[in-house]
């Protein structure tokens, strides 16, 4: 691991205890809270997915990576903003390997370019019956992201300073593919992109535990 006090502090905070649902619910729709409040644990038959919150240093600040999913009528999350990631496969072995494999497939970042520094609280998504395990990693060297065109319409790299700004948190009505309208749903406004749902909930927990970003020294990358 390359030396950096900010990263080391974040690594320690990720070891827990984590704020969990309390932080996640701050960016959840009322419908999602209602669905989860009486569910003490995820269903045993839930599908497993893993995502990666990939931190990287660029322009003298820390950024993360998000993708805009391609339009797909068979995908309940078609067109939405999410972290790189996808369904765990038995050939992956450890859960983190699924996050790394999908990240390489979706944005072209190889396994050995990522240092995993921790894991956030898992999150169950009722609409798709997925239990999502979020991992936090750091890009160890500068490289260009390459979208998998069949699944990724766009790659976003917002700075953490944008996400921590109070004005980036807004509320709107979300219309689902089914036509259902989720009233007064909290979201992150990232350059006009609406980041809501599970991704916003994962971000909410992450942003609650990160160390202060002011005067963050540049890491020594390989």
Protein backbone atom coordinates (compact mmCIF):
# COMPACT_ATOMS: atom_id res chain seq x y z
CA UNK A 1 0.00 0.00 0.00
CA UNK A 2 1.37 3.38 -0.93
CA UNK A 3 1.75 5.71 2.09
CA UNK A 4 -0.94 8.31 2.71
CA UNK A 5 -2.36 9.43 6.06
CA UNK A 6 -5.83 10.12 4.64
CA UNK A 7 -6.10 6.66 3.12
CA UNK A 8 -4.79 5.02 6.25
CA UNK A 9 -7.36 6.85 8.34
CA UNK A 10 -10.10 5.76 5.92
CA UNK A 11 -8.88 2.17 6.06
CA UNK A 12 -9.14 2.20 9.86
CA UNK A 13 -12.65 3.70 9.75
CA UNK A 14 -13.76 1.00 7.32
CA UNK A 15 -12.80 -1.62 9.89
CA UNK A 16 -15.86 -0.47 11.83
CA UNK A 17 -18.12 -0.16 13.47
CA UNK A 18 -19.92 1.26 10.41
CA UNK A 19 -23.03 3.48 10.58
CA UNK A 20 -24.95 0.96 8.43
CA UNK A 21 -28.63 1.44 7.73
CA UNK A 22 -28.81 4.68 9.68
CA UNK A 23 -26.55 6.35 7.13
CA UNK A 24 -27.99 4.47 4.16
CA UNK A 25 -31.54 5.57 4.96
CA UNK A 26 -30.58 9.24 4.73
CA UNK A 27 -30.56 8.85 0.95
CA UNK A 28 -33.38 6.29 0.63
CA UNK A 29 -36.86 6.80 -0.74
CA UNK A 30 -39.79 6.40 1.62
CA UNK A 31 -40.78 3.28 -0.30
CA UNK A 32 -37.35 1.69 0.21
CA UNK A 33 -37.43 2.45 3.94
CA UNK A 34 -40.90 0.92 4.22
CA UNK A 35 -39.73 -2.19 2.37
CA UNK A 36 -36.72 -2.67 4.61
CA UNK A 37 -37.87 -1.54 8.04
CA UNK A 38 -39.63 -4.83 8.88
CA UNK A 39 -36.94 -6.97 7.26
CA UNK A 40 -34.40 -7.86 9.98
CA UNK A 41 -32.20 -9.70 7.50
CA UNK A 42 -32.14 -10.22 3.72
CA UNK A 43 -33.97 -13.25 2.29
CA UNK A 44 -31.80 -16.35 2.26
CA UNK A 45 -32.40 -16.83 -1.47
CA UNK A 46 -31.37 -13.29 -2.49
CA UNK A 47 -29.01 -13.03 -5.44
CA UNK A 48 -25.54 -11.77 -4.52
CA UNK A 49 -23.90 -8.81 -6.26
CA UNK A 50 -20.68 -6.93 -5.51
CA UNK A 51 -19.73 -3.37 -6.42
CA UNK A 52 -16.56 -1.31 -6.15
CA UNK A 53 -16.23 2.27 -4.97
CA UNK A 54 -12.94 2.97 -6.75
CA UNK A 55 -11.05 5.97 -5.39
CA UNK A 56 -8.42 7.65 -7.55
CA UNK A 57 -6.30 10.79 -7.29
CA UNK A 58 -6.64 13.29 -10.13
CA UNK A 59 -6.42 17.07 -10.34
CA UNK A 60 -5.15 17.34 -6.75
CA UNK A 61 -8.24 15.70 -5.27
CA UNK A 62 -9.84 12.33 -4.64
CA UNK A 63 -12.48 11.07 -7.06
CA UNK A 64 -14.70 8.01 -7.29
CA UNK A 65 -16.00 6.19 -10.38
CA UNK A 66 -19.63 5.72 -11.37
CA UNK A 67 -21.14 4.31 -14.55
CA UNK A 68 -24.35 5.10 -16.39
CA UNK A 69 -25.87 1.81 -17.41
CA UNK A 70 -26.84 1.28 -21.03
CA UNK A 71 -30.52 1.21 -21.94
CA UNK A 72 -31.80 -2.35 -21.66
CA UNK A 73 -35.52 -3.24 -21.48
CA UNK A 74 -34.67 -6.40 -19.52
CA UNK A 75 -32.69 -4.51 -16.85
CA UNK A 76 -34.71 -3.10 -13.93
CA UNK A 77 -31.90 -0.57 -13.41
CA UNK A 78 -31.53 0.38 -17.07
CA UNK A 79 -30.04 3.84 -17.60
CA UNK A 80 -29.36 4.39 -13.91
CA UNK A 81 -26.09 5.53 -12.33
CA UNK A 82 -24.27 2.88 -10.32
CA UNK A 83 -20.89 1.71 -9.14
CA UNK A 84 -19.01 -0.76 -11.35
CA UNK A 85 -20.03 -4.24 -10.30
CA UNK A 86 -22.38 -7.11 -10.89
CA UNK A 87 -23.56 -10.56 -9.92
CA UNK A 88 -21.27 -12.88 -7.98
CA UNK A 89 -20.43 -16.15 -9.72
CA UNK A 90 -19.27 -19.30 -8.01
CA UNK A 91 -16.06 -19.17 -10.06
CA UNK A 92 -15.24 -15.83 -8.39
CA UNK A 93 -14.61 -17.45 -5.04
CA UNK A 94 -14.32 -14.51 -2.64
CA UNK A 95 -16.96 -11.80 -2.98
CA UNK A 96 -14.39 -9.09 -3.62
CA UNK A 97 -13.25 -10.94 -6.74
CA UNK A 98 -16.67 -10.37 -8.31
CA UNK A 99 -16.34 -6.62 -7.74
CA UNK A 100 -12.86 -6.61 -9.26
CA UNK A 101 -13.85 -8.80 -12.22
CA UNK A 102 -16.85 -6.65 -13.07
CA UNK A 103 -14.81 -3.47 -12.69
CA UNK A 104 -12.27 -4.76 -15.19
CA UNK A 105 -15.04 -5.77 -17.61
CA UNK A 106 -17.05 -2.56 -17.29
CA UNK A 107 -14.38 0.16 -17.12
CA UNK A 108 -11.15 -1.59 -18.10
CA UNK A 109 -9.31 -1.48 -14.76
CA UNK A 110 -7.23 -4.65 -14.21
CA UNK A 111 -7.24 -6.54 -10.90
CA UNK A 112 -3.65 -5.68 -10.07
CA UNK A 113 -4.25 -1.93 -10.43
CA UNK A 114 -6.59 -1.86 -7.42
CA UNK A 115 -5.83 -1.98 -3.69
CA UNK A 116 -8.88 -2.99 -1.64
CA UNK A 117 -8.94 -1.04 1.62
CA UNK A 118 -12.27 -2.09 3.10
CA UNK A 119 -15.92 -2.92 2.78
CA UNK A 120 -19.16 -1.05 3.50
CA UNK A 121 -22.44 -2.41 4.85
CA UNK A 122 -24.27 -4.78 2.54
CA UNK A 123 -27.61 -3.59 1.16
CA UNK A 124 -30.65 -5.56 0.03
CA UNK A 125 -32.54 -4.30 -3.05
CA UNK A 126 -36.11 -5.66 -2.95
CA UNK A 127 -37.08 -4.74 -6.53
CA UNK A 128 -34.33 -6.89 -8.06
CA UNK A 129 -33.91 -9.31 -5.11
CA UNK A 130 -30.17 -8.61 -4.90
CA UNK A 131 -28.01 -8.42 -1.80
CA UNK A 132 -25.22 -5.98 -2.69
CA UNK A 133 -21.80 -6.05 -1.05
CA UNK A 134 -19.92 -2.73 -1.55
CA UNK A 135 -16.13 -2.70 -1.48
CA UNK A 136 -13.80 0.31 -1.37
CA UNK A 137 -10.62 0.27 -3.40
CA UNK A 138 -7.87 2.64 -4.50
CA UNK A 139 -6.39 2.90 -7.98
CA UNK A 140 -2.66 2.35 -7.54
CA UNK A 141 -1.56 3.97 -10.78
CA UNK A 142 -2.93 6.50 -13.22
CA UNK A 143 -4.77 4.98 -16.17
CA UNK A 144 -7.65 5.76 -18.52
CA UNK A 145 -11.05 4.19 -18.01
CA UNK A 146 -12.53 2.27 -20.94
CA UNK A 147 -16.30 1.62 -20.96
CA UNK A 148 -17.73 -1.74 -21.95
CA UNK A 149 -20.02 -0.36 -24.65
CA UNK A 150 -22.60 -3.14 -24.40
CA UNK A 151 -23.32 -2.35 -20.74
CA UNK A 152 -21.88 1.09 -19.98
CA UNK A 153 -23.19 4.24 -21.68
CA UNK A 154 -20.95 6.66 -19.80
CA UNK A 155 -18.32 6.85 -17.04
CA UNK A 156 -18.53 9.56 -14.38
CA UNK A 157 -15.61 10.50 -12.12
CA UNK A 158 -16.98 12.99 -9.58
CA UNK A 159 -14.62 14.39 -6.94
CA UNK A 160 -15.46 13.47 -3.36
CA UNK A 161 -15.57 17.18 -2.57
CA UNK A 162 -18.60 17.49 -4.86
CA UNK A 163 -20.38 14.62 -3.15
CA UNK A 164 -19.73 16.00 0.33
CA UNK A 165 -21.13 19.43 -0.58
CA UNK A 166 -24.59 19.89 0.94
CA UNK A 167 -25.92 21.45 -2.27
CA UNK A 168 -25.32 18.18 -4.14
CA UNK A 169 -28.04 16.47 -2.07
CA UNK A 170 -31.47 17.17 -3.50
CA UNK A 171 -35.00 15.75 -3.60
CA UNK A 172 -37.11 14.91 -6.64
CA UNK A 173 -39.85 12.59 -7.90
CA UNK A 174 -38.49 9.46 -9.58
CA UNK A 175 -40.57 7.71 -12.25
CA UNK A 176 -39.75 4.01 -12.59
CA UNK A 177 -39.94 1.98 -15.80
CA UNK A 178 -43.17 0.47 -14.45
CA UNK A 179 -44.69 3.95 -14.26
CA UNK A 180 -44.64 4.05 -10.47
CA UNK A 181 -43.63 7.47 -9.12
CA UNK A 182 -41.47 7.68 -6.01
CA UNK A 183 -42.29 11.04 -4.45
CA UNK A 184 -39.71 13.21 -2.69
CA UNK A 185 -36.80 10.86 -3.26
CA UNK A 186 -33.35 12.06 -2.12
CA UNK A 187 -30.54 11.96 -4.67
CA UNK A 188 -27.07 13.25 -5.43
CA UNK A 189 -26.90 15.77 -8.26
CA UNK A 190 -23.66 15.00 -10.12
CA UNK A 191 -23.34 17.43 -13.00
CA UNK A 192 -27.02 17.02 -13.78
CA UNK A 193 -27.05 13.23 -13.32
CA UNK A 194 -29.53 11.89 -10.77
CA UNK A 195 -27.81 9.36 -8.49
CA UNK A 196 -30.42 7.69 -6.31
CA UNK A 197 -31.46 4.32 -4.91
CA UNK A 198 -28.89 1.78 -3.74
CA UNK A 199 -25.96 3.77 -5.16
CA UNK A 200 -26.96 6.89 -3.23
CA UNK A 201 -27.47 4.83 -0.08
CA UNK A 202 -24.00 3.27 -0.38
CA UNK A 203 -22.48 6.70 -1.02
CA UNK A 204 -24.29 8.09 2.00
CA UNK A 205 -22.64 5.61 4.35
CA UNK A 206 -19.24 6.06 2.70
CA UNK A 207 -19.34 9.86 2.93
CA UNK A 208 -20.28 9.68 6.60
CA UNK A 209 -17.06 7.87 7.51
CA UNK A 210 -14.44 9.51 5.28
CA UNK A 211 -11.83 11.73 6.95
CA UNK A 212 -11.96 15.49 6.23
CA UNK A 213 -10.87 16.29 2.69
CA UNK A 214 -9.29 19.67 3.43
CA UNK A 215 -5.54 19.84 2.76
CA UNK A 216 -5.41 16.18 1.75
CA UNK A 217 -1.81 15.40 0.71
CA UNK A 218 -1.12 13.78 -2.63
CA UNK A 219 -0.54 10.02 -2.33
CA UNK A 220 2.66 8.43 -3.60
CA UNK A 221 1.32 6.30 -6.44
CA UNK A 222 3.26 3.53 -8.11
